[in-house]
């Protein structure tokens, strides 16, 4: 598994779903759908997303492989 960091490329809003998808080996689209479906359930999903957005470091721009 890779380190949990928000990517600079391939993110839509904050990069949280893209980071989680990379960490768990799924596609970013799958992780986004899972997040949207989880929003139908009661709970602090939006607060968790905002907290992860703040707490997860941004990916180092020099370490990206092109």
Protein backbone atom coordinates (compact mmCIF):
# COMPACT_ATOMS: atom_id res chain seq x y z
CA UNK A 1 0.00 0.00 0.00
CA UNK A 2 1.14 3.51 -0.70
CA UNK A 3 1.37 6.41 1.71
CA UNK A 4 -1.80 8.37 2.24
CA UNK A 5 -1.36 11.74 0.53
CA UNK A 6 -3.66 13.86 -1.61
CA UNK A 7 -2.51 13.66 -5.25
CA UNK A 8 -1.90 16.78 -7.29
CA UNK A 9 -3.37 15.21 -10.45
CA UNK A 10 -6.66 13.35 -10.83
CA UNK A 11 -8.53 14.98 -8.01
CA UNK A 12 -11.88 16.70 -8.20
CA UNK A 13 -12.35 18.77 -5.05
CA UNK A 14 -9.80 18.06 -2.35
CA UNK A 15 -8.25 14.82 -3.53
CA UNK A 16 -9.43 12.83 -0.53
CA UNK A 17 -11.28 10.17 -2.55
CA UNK A 18 -8.37 9.90 -4.98
CA UNK A 19 -5.94 9.43 -2.09
CA UNK A 20 -8.12 6.76 -0.48
CA UNK A 21 -8.57 5.00 -3.82
CA UNK A 22 -4.83 4.91 -4.40
CA UNK A 23 -4.25 3.66 -0.86
CA UNK A 24 -6.75 0.78 -1.16
CA UNK A 25 -6.07 -0.09 -4.80
CA UNK A 26 -9.41 0.92 -6.32
CA UNK A 27 -10.32 3.51 -8.91
CA UNK A 28 -11.08 7.07 -7.86
CA UNK A 29 -14.52 6.82 -9.47
CA UNK A 30 -15.38 3.80 -7.34
CA UNK A 31 -14.29 5.61 -4.18
CA UNK A 32 -16.35 8.67 -5.13
CA UNK A 33 -19.45 6.54 -5.70
CA UNK A 34 -18.92 4.83 -2.33
CA UNK A 35 -18.63 8.24 -0.68
CA UNK A 36 -21.78 9.53 -2.36
CA UNK A 37 -23.72 6.42 -1.36
CA UNK A 38 -22.47 6.75 2.21
CA UNK A 39 -23.90 10.27 2.30
CA UNK A 40 -27.36 8.69 2.15
CA UNK A 41 -26.71 7.14 5.56
CA UNK A 42 -26.80 9.18 8.75
CA UNK A 43 -23.39 10.17 9.99
CA UNK A 44 -20.60 12.74 9.81
CA UNK A 45 -19.38 11.95 6.28
CA UNK A 46 -18.93 15.56 5.22
CA UNK A 47 -17.11 16.43 8.43
CA UNK A 48 -14.82 13.44 7.96
CA UNK A 49 -14.11 14.51 4.36
CA UNK A 50 -13.24 18.04 5.48
CA UNK A 51 -11.06 16.72 8.30
CA UNK A 52 -9.17 14.44 5.91
CA UNK A 53 -8.81 17.32 3.45
CA UNK A 54 -7.14 19.37 6.18
CA UNK A 55 -5.09 16.59 7.78
CA UNK A 56 -3.80 14.69 4.74
CA UNK A 57 -0.64 16.17 3.29
CA UNK A 58 -0.52 17.12 -0.36
CA UNK A 59 1.58 14.87 -2.54
CA UNK A 60 5.09 16.17 -3.16
CA UNK A 61 5.20 17.51 -6.71
CA UNK A 62 8.75 16.31 -7.25
CA UNK A 63 7.98 12.68 -6.37
CA UNK A 64 5.38 12.13 -9.11
CA UNK A 65 6.52 9.79 -11.86
CA UNK A 66 5.65 10.86 -15.38
